[in-house]
PDB file of N, CA and C in Angstrom:
ATOM      1  N   UNK A   1     124.795 149.918 -59.821  1.00  0.00           N
ATOM      2  CA  UNK A   1     124.429 150.710 -59.110  1.00  0.00           C
ATOM      3  C   UNK A   1     123.725 150.199 -57.666  1.00  0.00           C
ATOM      4  N   UNK A   2     124.139 150.209 -56.352  1.00  0.00           N
ATOM      5  CA  UNK A   2     123.348 149.656 -55.334  1.00  0.00           C
ATOM      6  C   UNK A   2     121.806 149.940 -55.299  1.00  0.00           C
ATOM      7  N   UNK A   3     121.487 149.167 -54.670  1.00  0.00           N
ATOM      8  CA  UNK A   3     119.635 149.294 -54.127  1.00  0.00           C
ATOM      9  C   UNK A   3     119.452 150.474 -53.266  1.00  0.00           C
ATOM     10  N   UNK A   4     118.908 151.325 -53.172  1.00  0.00           N
ATOM     11  CA  UNK A   4     118.742 152.592 -52.338  1.00  0.00           C
ATOM     12  C   UNK A   4     118.001 151.655 -51.306  1.00  0.00           C
ATOM     13  N   UNK A   5     117.138 151.618 -51.361  1.00  0.00           N
ATOM     14  CA  UNK A   5     115.935 150.570 -50.564  1.00  0.00           C
ATOM     15  C   UNK A   5     116.900 149.399 -49.591  1.00  0.00           C
ATOM     16  N   UNK A   6     117.593 148.922 -50.098  1.00  0.00           N
ATOM     17  CA  UNK A   6     118.224 147.785 -49.299  1.00  0.00           C
ATOM     18  C   UNK A   6     118.841 148.139 -48.105  1.00  0.00           C
ATOM     19  N   UNK A   7     118.640 147.492 -47.237  1.00  0.00           N
ATOM     20  CA  UNK A   7     119.755 147.481 -46.119  1.00  0.00           C
ATOM     21  C   UNK A   7     120.807 146.431 -45.589  1.00  0.00           C
ATOM     22  N   UNK A   8     121.621 146.619 -45.252  1.00  0.00           N
ATOM     23  CA  UNK A   8     122.826 145.981 -44.439  1.00  0.00           C
ATOM     24  C   UNK A   8     123.168 146.344 -42.868  1.00  0.00           C
ATOM     25  N   UNK A   9     123.600 144.679 -42.717  1.00  0.00           N
ATOM     26  CA  UNK A   9     123.594 145.085 -41.401  1.00  0.00           C
ATOM     27  C   UNK A   9     124.878 143.885 -40.769  1.00  0.00           C
ATOM     28  N   UNK A  10     125.522 144.640 -39.755  1.00  0.00           N
ATOM     29  CA  UNK A  10     126.876 144.137 -39.076  1.00  0.00           C
ATOM     30  C   UNK A  10     126.069 143.947 -37.992  1.00  0.00           C
ATOM     31  N   UNK A  11     126.228 142.740 -37.160  1.00  0.00           N
ATOM     32  CA  UNK A  11     125.958 142.491 -35.818  1.00  0.00           C
ATOM     33  C   UNK A  11     126.837 141.483 -35.314  1.00  0.00           C
ATOM     34  N   UNK A  12     126.644 141.487 -33.840  1.00  0.00           N
ATOM     35  CA  UNK A  12     127.161 140.650 -32.799  1.00  0.00           C
ATOM     36  C   UNK A  12     126.264 139.694 -32.170  1.00  0.00           C
ATOM     37  N   UNK A  13     126.591 138.602 -31.501  1.00  0.00           N
ATOM     38  CA  UNK A  13     125.692 137.632 -31.154  1.00  0.00           C
ATOM     39  C   UNK A  13     126.885 137.580 -29.804  1.00  0.00           C
ATOM     40  N   UNK A  14     126.111 137.084 -28.379  1.00  0.00           N
ATOM     41  CA  UNK A  14     126.665 136.618 -27.324  1.00  0.00           C
ATOM     42  C   UNK A  14     126.056 135.003 -27.336  1.00  0.00           C
ATOM     43  N   UNK A  15     127.093 134.356 -27.406  1.00  0.00           N
ATOM     44  CA  UNK A  15     126.894 132.701 -27.032  1.00  0.00           C
ATOM     45  C   UNK A  15     126.980 132.624 -25.656  1.00  0.00           C
ATOM     46  N   UNK A  16     126.229 131.218 -25.398  1.00  0.00           N
ATOM     47  CA  UNK A  16     125.885 130.933 -24.167  1.00  0.00           C
ATOM     48  C   UNK A  16     127.459 130.614 -23.467  1.00  0.00           C
ATOM     49  N   UNK A  17     128.373 130.272 -24.214  1.00  0.00           N
ATOM     50  CA  UNK A  17     129.457 130.068 -23.284  1.00  0.00           C
ATOM     51  C   UNK A  17     130.360 131.180 -23.338  1.00  0.00           C
ATOM     52  N   UNK A  18     129.830 132.482 -23.403  1.00  0.00           N
ATOM     53  CA  UNK A  18     130.313 133.690 -23.670  1.00  0.00           C
ATOM     54  C   UNK A  18     131.512 134.123 -24.701  1.00  0.00           C
ATOM     55  N   UNK A  19     130.881 133.616 -25.690  1.00  0.00           N
ATOM     56  CA  UNK A  19     131.888 134.347 -26.666  1.00  0.00           C
ATOM     57  C   UNK A  19     131.068 134.987 -28.039  1.00  0.00           C
ATOM     58  N   UNK A  20     131.569 135.704 -28.488  1.00  0.00           N
ATOM     59  CA  UNK A  20     131.142 137.287 -29.365  1.00  0.00           C
ATOM     60  C   UNK A  20     131.198 136.265 -31.147  1.00  0.00           C
ATOM     61  N   UNK A  21     130.150 136.626 -31.631  1.00  0.00           N
ATOM     62  CA  UNK A  21     130.109 136.216 -32.992  1.00  0.00           C
ATOM     63  C   UNK A  21     129.772 137.141 -33.924  1.00  0.00           C
ATOM     64  N   UNK A  22     130.400 137.824 -34.915  1.00  0.00           N
ATOM     65  CA  UNK A  22     130.403 139.152 -35.588  1.00  0.00           C
ATOM     66  C   UNK A  22     130.130 138.601 -37.189  1.00  0.00           C
ATOM     67  N   UNK A  23     128.995 138.966 -37.547  1.00  0.00           N
ATOM     68  CA  UNK A  23     128.307 138.538 -39.136  1.00  0.00           C
ATOM     69  C   UNK A  23     127.989 139.678 -39.704  1.00  0.00           C
ATOM     70  N   UNK A  24     127.408 139.670 -40.909  1.00  0.00           N
ATOM     71  CA  UNK A  24     126.960 140.760 -42.004  1.00  0.00           C
ATOM     72  C   UNK A  24     125.564 139.850 -42.518  1.00  0.00           C
ATOM     73  N   UNK A  25     124.605 140.553 -42.460  1.00  0.00           N
ATOM     74  CA  UNK A  25     123.665 140.110 -43.285  1.00  0.00           C
ATOM     75  C   UNK A  25     122.679 141.292 -43.995  1.00  0.00           C
ATOM     76  N   UNK A  26     121.537 140.925 -44.499  1.00  0.00           N
ATOM     77  CA  UNK A  26     120.700 141.837 -45.241  1.00  0.00           C
ATOM     78  C   UNK A  26     119.093 141.455 -44.222  1.00  0.00           C
ATOM     79  N   UNK A  27     119.275 140.779 -43.607  1.00  0.00           N
ATOM     80  CA  UNK A  27     117.810 140.552 -42.784  1.00  0.00           C
ATOM     81  C   UNK A  27     118.112 139.795 -41.686  1.00  0.00           C
ATOM     82  N   UNK A  28     118.278 140.964 -40.691  1.00  0.00           N
ATOM     83  CA  UNK A  28     118.812 140.447 -39.252  1.00  0.00           C
ATOM     84  C   UNK A  28     118.049 139.457 -38.769  1.00  0.00           C
ATOM     85  N   UNK A  29     116.813 139.428 -38.720  1.00  0.00           N
ATOM     86  CA  UNK A  29     115.829 138.889 -37.902  1.00  0.00           C
ATOM     87  C   UNK A  29     115.878 137.213 -38.473  1.00  0.00           C
ATOM     88  N   UNK A  30     116.213 137.150 -39.850  1.00  0.00           N
ATOM     89  CA  UNK A  30     115.866 135.769 -40.663  1.00  0.00           C
ATOM     90  C   UNK A  30     117.502 135.636 -39.921  1.00  0.00           C
ATOM     91  N   UNK A  31     118.421 135.817 -40.147  1.00  0.00           N
ATOM     92  CA  UNK A  31     119.900 135.626 -39.934  1.00  0.00           C
ATOM     93  C   UNK A  31     119.853 134.962 -38.425  1.00  0.00           C
ATOM     94  N   UNK A  32     119.488 135.808 -37.886  1.00  0.00           N
ATOM     95  CA  UNK A  32     119.662 135.512 -36.174  1.00  0.00           C
ATOM     96  C   UNK A  32     118.821 134.165 -35.844  1.00  0.00           C
ATOM     97  N   UNK A  33     117.771 134.095 -36.336  1.00  0.00           N
ATOM     98  CA  UNK A  33     116.841 132.976 -36.425  1.00  0.00           C
ATOM     99  C   UNK A  33     117.581 131.852 -37.128  1.00  0.00           C
ATOM    100  N   UNK A  34     118.299 131.686 -37.913  1.00  0.00           N
ATOM    101  CA  UNK A  34     119.422 130.644 -38.323  1.00  0.00           C
ATOM    102  C   UNK A  34     120.296 130.319 -37.609  1.00  0.00           C
ATOM    103  N   UNK A  35     120.734 131.467 -37.021  1.00  0.00           N
ATOM    104  CA  UNK A  35     122.134 131.027 -36.144  1.00  0.00           C
ATOM    105  C   UNK A  35     121.510 129.976 -34.828  1.00  0.00           C
ATOM    106  N   UNK A  36     120.296 130.626 -34.530  1.00  0.00           N
ATOM    107  CA  UNK A  36     119.394 130.042 -33.264  1.00  0.00           C
ATOM    108  C   UNK A  36     119.043 128.628 -33.658  1.00  0.00           C
ATOM    109  N   UNK A  37     119.219 128.108 -34.674  1.00  0.00           N
ATOM    110  CA  UNK A  37     118.674 126.932 -35.239  1.00  0.00           C
ATOM    111  C   UNK A  37     119.821 126.124 -35.934  1.00  0.00           C
ATOM    112  N   UNK A  38     121.216 126.533 -35.412  1.00  0.00           N
ATOM    113  CA  UNK A  38     122.096 125.528 -35.626  1.00  0.00           C
ATOM    114  C   UNK A  38     122.383 125.625 -37.428  1.00  0.00           C
ATOM    115  N   UNK A  39     121.995 126.602 -38.028  1.00  0.00           N
ATOM    116  CA  UNK A  39     121.859 126.450 -39.779  1.00  0.00           C
ATOM    117  C   UNK A  39     122.661 128.181 -40.028  1.00  0.00           C
ATOM    118  N   UNK A  40     122.939 128.709 -38.976  1.00  0.00           N
ATOM    119  CA  UNK A  40     123.593 129.920 -39.706  1.00  0.00           C
ATOM    120  C   UNK A  40     125.144 129.916 -39.739  1.00  0.00           C
ATOM    121  N   UNK A  41     125.870 129.493 -39.091  1.00  0.00           N
ATOM    122  CA  UNK A  41     127.359 129.236 -39.166  1.00  0.00           C
ATOM    123  C   UNK A  41     127.948 128.584 -38.240  1.00  0.00           C
ATOM    124  N   UNK A  42     129.029 127.831 -38.862  1.00  0.00           N
ATOM    125  CA  UNK A  42     129.874 126.347 -37.940  1.00  0.00           C
ATOM    126  C   UNK A  42     130.001 127.210 -37.140  1.00  0.00           C
ATOM    127  N   UNK A  43     130.687 128.476 -36.644  1.00  0.00           N
ATOM    128  CA  UNK A  43     130.697 129.002 -35.146  1.00  0.00           C
ATOM    129  C   UNK A  43     129.615 128.862 -34.292  1.00  0.00           C
ATOM    130  N   UNK A  44     128.358 129.376 -34.791  1.00  0.00           N
ATOM    131  CA  UNK A  44     127.368 129.392 -33.870  1.00  0.00           C
ATOM    132  C   UNK A  44     126.455 127.922 -33.868  1.00  0.00           C
ATOM    133  N   UNK A  45     126.956 127.174 -34.841  1.00  0.00           N
ATOM    134  CA  UNK A  45     126.658 125.139 -34.360  1.00  0.00           C
ATOM    135  C   UNK A  45     127.134 124.800 -33.585  1.00  0.00           C
ATOM    136  N   UNK A  46     128.462 125.416 -33.195  1.00  0.00           N
ATOM    137  CA  UNK A  46     129.552 124.575 -31.944  1.00  0.00           C
ATOM    138  C   UNK A  46     129.156 125.592 -30.890  1.00  0.00           C
ATOM    139  N   UNK A  47     128.651 126.943 -30.979  1.00  0.00           N
ATOM    140  CA  UNK A  47     128.753 127.754 -29.845  1.00  0.00           C
ATOM    141  C   UNK A  47     127.417 128.203 -29.977  1.00  0.00           C
ATOM    142  N   UNK A  48     126.319 127.663 -28.907  1.00  0.00           N
ATOM    143  CA  UNK A  48     125.121 128.138 -29.334  1.00  0.00           C
ATOM    144  C   UNK A  48     124.620 129.671 -28.468  1.00  0.00           C
ATOM    145  N   UNK A  49     123.602 130.475 -29.952  1.00  0.00           N
ATOM    146  CA  UNK A  49     123.745 131.727 -29.376  1.00  0.00           C
ATOM    147  C   UNK A  49     122.620 132.188 -28.063  1.00  0.00           C
ATOM    148  N   UNK A  50     123.203 133.028 -27.464  1.00  0.00           N
ATOM    149  CA  UNK A  50     122.283 133.540 -26.436  1.00  0.00           C
ATOM    150  C   UNK A  50     121.367 134.520 -26.804  1.00  0.00           C
ATOM    151  N   UNK A  51     122.076 135.434 -27.078  1.00  0.00           N
ATOM    152  CA  UNK A  51     121.294 137.004 -27.708  1.00  0.00           C
ATOM    153  C   UNK A  51     122.260 137.860 -28.412  1.00  0.00           C
ATOM    154  N   UNK A  52     121.495 138.619 -29.418  1.00  0.00           N
ATOM    155  CA  UNK A  52     121.702 139.672 -30.064  1.00  0.00           C
ATOM    156  C   UNK A  52     122.133 140.546 -29.387  1.00  0.00           C
ATOM    157  N   UNK A  53     123.486 141.248 -29.093  1.00  0.00           N
ATOM    158  CA  UNK A  53     124.158 141.984 -28.547  1.00  0.00           C
ATOM    159  C   UNK A  53     124.064 143.668 -29.200  1.00  0.00           C
ATOM    160  N   UNK A  54     124.463 143.289 -30.346  1.00  0.00           N
ATOM    161  CA  UNK A  54     125.160 144.995 -31.403  1.00  0.00           C
ATOM    162  C   UNK A  54     124.257 144.538 -32.440  1.00  0.00           C
ATOM    163  N   UNK A  55     124.080 145.625 -33.105  1.00  0.00           N
ATOM    164  CA  UNK A  55     123.860 145.598 -34.567  1.00  0.00           C
ATOM    165  C   UNK A  55     123.883 147.066 -35.072  1.00  0.00           C
ATOM    166  N   UNK A  56     124.160 147.245 -36.535  1.00  0.00           N
ATOM    167  CA  UNK A  56     124.479 148.827 -36.919  1.00  0.00           C
ATOM    168  C   UNK A  56     123.858 148.544 -38.315  1.00  0.00           C
ATOM    169  N   UNK A  57     123.006 149.210 -38.832  1.00  0.00           N
ATOM    170  CA  UNK A  57     122.278 149.404 -40.175  1.00  0.00           C
ATOM    171  C   UNK A  57     123.476 150.228 -40.930  1.00  0.00           C
ATOM    172  N   UNK A  58     123.689 149.641 -42.469  1.00  0.00           N
ATOM    173  CA  UNK A  58     124.203 150.081 -43.388  1.00  0.00           C
ATOM    174  C   UNK A  58     123.642 150.378 -44.665  1.00  0.00           C
ATOM    175  N   UNK A  59     123.658 151.492 -45.474  1.00  0.00           N
ATOM    176  CA  UNK A  59     123.151 151.645 -46.997  1.00  0.00           C
ATOM    177  C   UNK A  59     123.449 150.920 -48.123  1.00  0.00           C
ATOM    178  N   UNK A  60     124.877 150.639 -48.220  1.00  0.00           N
ATOM    179  CA  UNK A  60     125.917 149.947 -48.667  1.00  0.00           C
ATOM    180  C   UNK A  60     126.699 148.483 -48.148  1.00  0.00           C
ATOM    181  N   UNK A  61     126.492 147.671 -48.995  1.00  0.00           N
ATOM    182  CA  UNK A  61     127.123 146.298 -48.870  1.00  0.00           C
ATOM    183  C   UNK A  61     128.654 146.697 -48.190  1.00  0.00           C
ATOM    184  N   UNK A  62     129.420 147.463 -49.504  1.00  0.00           N
ATOM    185  CA  UNK A  62     130.975 147.862 -49.080  1.00  0.00           C
ATOM    186  C   UNK A  62     131.096 148.263 -47.749  1.00  0.00           C
ATOM    187  N   UNK A  63     130.054 149.176 -47.217  1.00  0.00           N
ATOM    188  CA  UNK A  63     130.404 149.676 -45.786  1.00  0.00           C
ATOM    189  C   UNK A  63     130.342 148.646 -44.928  1.00  0.00           C
ATOM    190  N   UNK A  64     129.195 147.700 -44.998  1.00  0.00           N
ATOM    191  CA  UNK A  64     128.538 146.827 -43.948  1.00  0.00           C
ATOM    192  C   UNK A  64     130.174 145.697 -43.911  1.00  0.00           C
ATOM    193  N   UNK A  65     130.297 145.201 -45.072  1.00  0.00           N
ATOM    194  CA  UNK A  65     131.728 144.333 -45.134  1.00  0.00           C
ATOM    195  C   UNK A  65     132.946 144.877 -44.392  1.00  0.00           C
ATOM    196  N   UNK A  66     133.272 146.378 -44.637  1.00  0.00           N
ATOM    197  CA  UNK A  66     134.353 146.892 -44.012  1.00  0.00           C
ATOM    198  C   UNK A  66     134.051 146.794 -42.427  1.00  0.00           C
ATOM    199  N   UNK A  67     133.083 147.069 -41.941  1.00  0.00           N
ATOM    200  CA  UNK A  67     132.700 147.554 -40.777  1.00  0.00           C
ATOM    201  C   UNK A  67     132.998 145.990 -40.045  1.00  0.00           C
ATOM    202  N   UNK A  68     132.367 144.813 -40.600  1.00  0.00           N
ATOM    203  CA  UNK A  68     132.508 143.519 -40.519  1.00  0.00           C
ATOM    204  C   UNK A  68     133.683 143.135 -40.044  1.00  0.00           C
ATOM    205  N   UNK A  69     134.597 143.135 -41.107  1.00  0.00           N
ATOM    206  CA  UNK A  69     136.120 143.159 -41.090  1.00  0.00           C
ATOM    207  C   UNK A  69     136.855 143.898 -40.006  1.00  0.00           C
ATOM    208  N   UNK A  70     136.522 145.339 -39.542  1.00  0.00           N
ATOM    209  CA  UNK A  70     137.077 145.993 -38.733  1.00  0.00           C
ATOM    210  C   UNK A  70     136.746 145.060 -37.452  1.00  0.00           C
ATOM    211  N   UNK A  71     135.478 145.182 -37.251  1.00  0.00           N
ATOM    212  CA  UNK A  71     135.121 144.577 -35.640  1.00  0.00           C
ATOM    213  C   UNK A  71     135.603 142.975 -35.399  1.00  0.00           C
ATOM    214  N   UNK A  72     135.806 142.194 -36.317  1.00  0.00           N
ATOM    215  CA  UNK A  72     136.381 141.111 -36.058  1.00  0.00           C
ATOM    216  C   UNK A  72     137.949 141.197 -36.047  1.00  0.00           C
ATOM    217  N   UNK A  73     138.620 142.388 -36.458  1.00  0.00           N
ATOM    218  CA  UNK A  73     140.027 142.435 -35.908  1.00  0.00           C
ATOM    219  C   UNK A  73     140.282 142.808 -34.502  1.00  0.00           C
ATOM    220  N   UNK A  74     138.832 143.461 -33.947  1.00  0.00           N
ATOM    221  CA  UNK A  74     139.193 143.876 -32.639  1.00  0.00           C
ATOM    222  C   UNK A  74     139.601 142.804 -31.451  1.00  0.00           C
ATOM    223  N   UNK A  75     140.071 143.522 -30.248  1.00  0.00           N
ATOM    224  CA  UNK A  75     139.999 142.553 -29.436  1.00  0.00           C
ATOM    225  C   UNK A  75     139.297 142.289 -28.616  1.00  0.00           C
ATOM    226  N   UNK A  76     138.805 141.337 -27.834  1.00  0.00           N
ATOM    227  CA  UNK A  76     137.273 141.287 -26.856  1.00  0.00           C
ATOM    228  C   UNK A  76     137.080 142.345 -25.942  1.00  0.00           C
ATOM    229  N   UNK A  77     138.008 143.107 -25.245  1.00  0.00           N
ATOM    230  CA  UNK A  77     137.640 144.290 -24.832  1.00  0.00           C
ATOM    231  C   UNK A  77     137.085 145.451 -25.873  1.00  0.00           C
ATOM    232  N   UNK A  78     137.950 145.734 -26.918  1.00  0.00           N
ATOM    233  CA  UNK A  78     137.544 146.457 -27.618  1.00  0.00           C
ATOM    234  C   UNK A  78     136.033 146.196 -27.814  1.00  0.00           C
ATOM    235  N   UNK A  79     135.676 144.759 -28.443  1.00  0.00           N
ATOM    236  CA  UNK A  79     134.304 144.598 -28.443  1.00  0.00           C
ATOM    237  C   UNK A  79     133.368 145.115 -27.814  1.00  0.00           C
ATOM    238  N   UNK A  80     133.695 144.832 -26.525  1.00  0.00           N
ATOM    239  CA  UNK A  80     132.800 144.909 -25.320  1.00  0.00           C
ATOM    240  C   UNK A  80     132.685 146.374 -25.647  1.00  0.00           C
ATOM    241  N   UNK A  81     133.568 147.082 -25.526  1.00  0.00           N
ATOM    242  CA  UNK A  81     133.182 148.769 -25.483  1.00  0.00           C
ATOM    243  C   UNK A  81     132.382 149.123 -26.492  1.00  0.00           C
ATOM    244  N   UNK A  82     132.298 148.569 -27.633  1.00  0.00           N
ATOM    245  CA  UNK A  82     131.529 148.932 -28.891  1.00  0.00           C
ATOM    246  C   UNK A  82     130.186 148.537 -28.446  1.00  0.00           C
ATOM    247  N   UNK A  83     130.150 147.355 -27.851  1.00  0.00           N
ATOM    248  CA  UNK A  83     128.731 146.854 -27.274  1.00  0.00           C
ATOM    249  C   UNK A  83     127.944 147.342 -26.711  1.00  0.00           C
ATOM    250  N   UNK A  84     128.925 148.216 -25.627  1.00  0.00           N
ATOM    251  CA  UNK A  84     128.264 148.969 -24.680  1.00  0.00           C
ATOM    252  C   UNK A  84     128.117 150.384 -24.762  1.00  0.00           C
ATOM    253  N   UNK A  85     128.817 151.073 -26.177  1.00  0.00           N
ATOM    254  CA  UNK A  85     128.551 152.247 -26.282  1.00  0.00           C
ATOM    255  C   UNK A  85     127.130 152.633 -26.781  1.00  0.00           C
TER     256      UNK A  85
END
């Protein structure tokens, strides 16, 4: 049974070399800080984060992971449309 108070986030980070990184977390602020410190993911160690450009909150882990997977399959232009919506 899911914890109804828990929140799940899917987010996109823009890096200094203009790449987009998509991830999932239960603590957005802490996770972004880890990315900035070079401790978040292999990708963001090699591509320093510039700013958090998109996030959405979910009430279930399953929904968040499905959305993360969907976003990761999008083309760059489609991700930019999502960010700008």
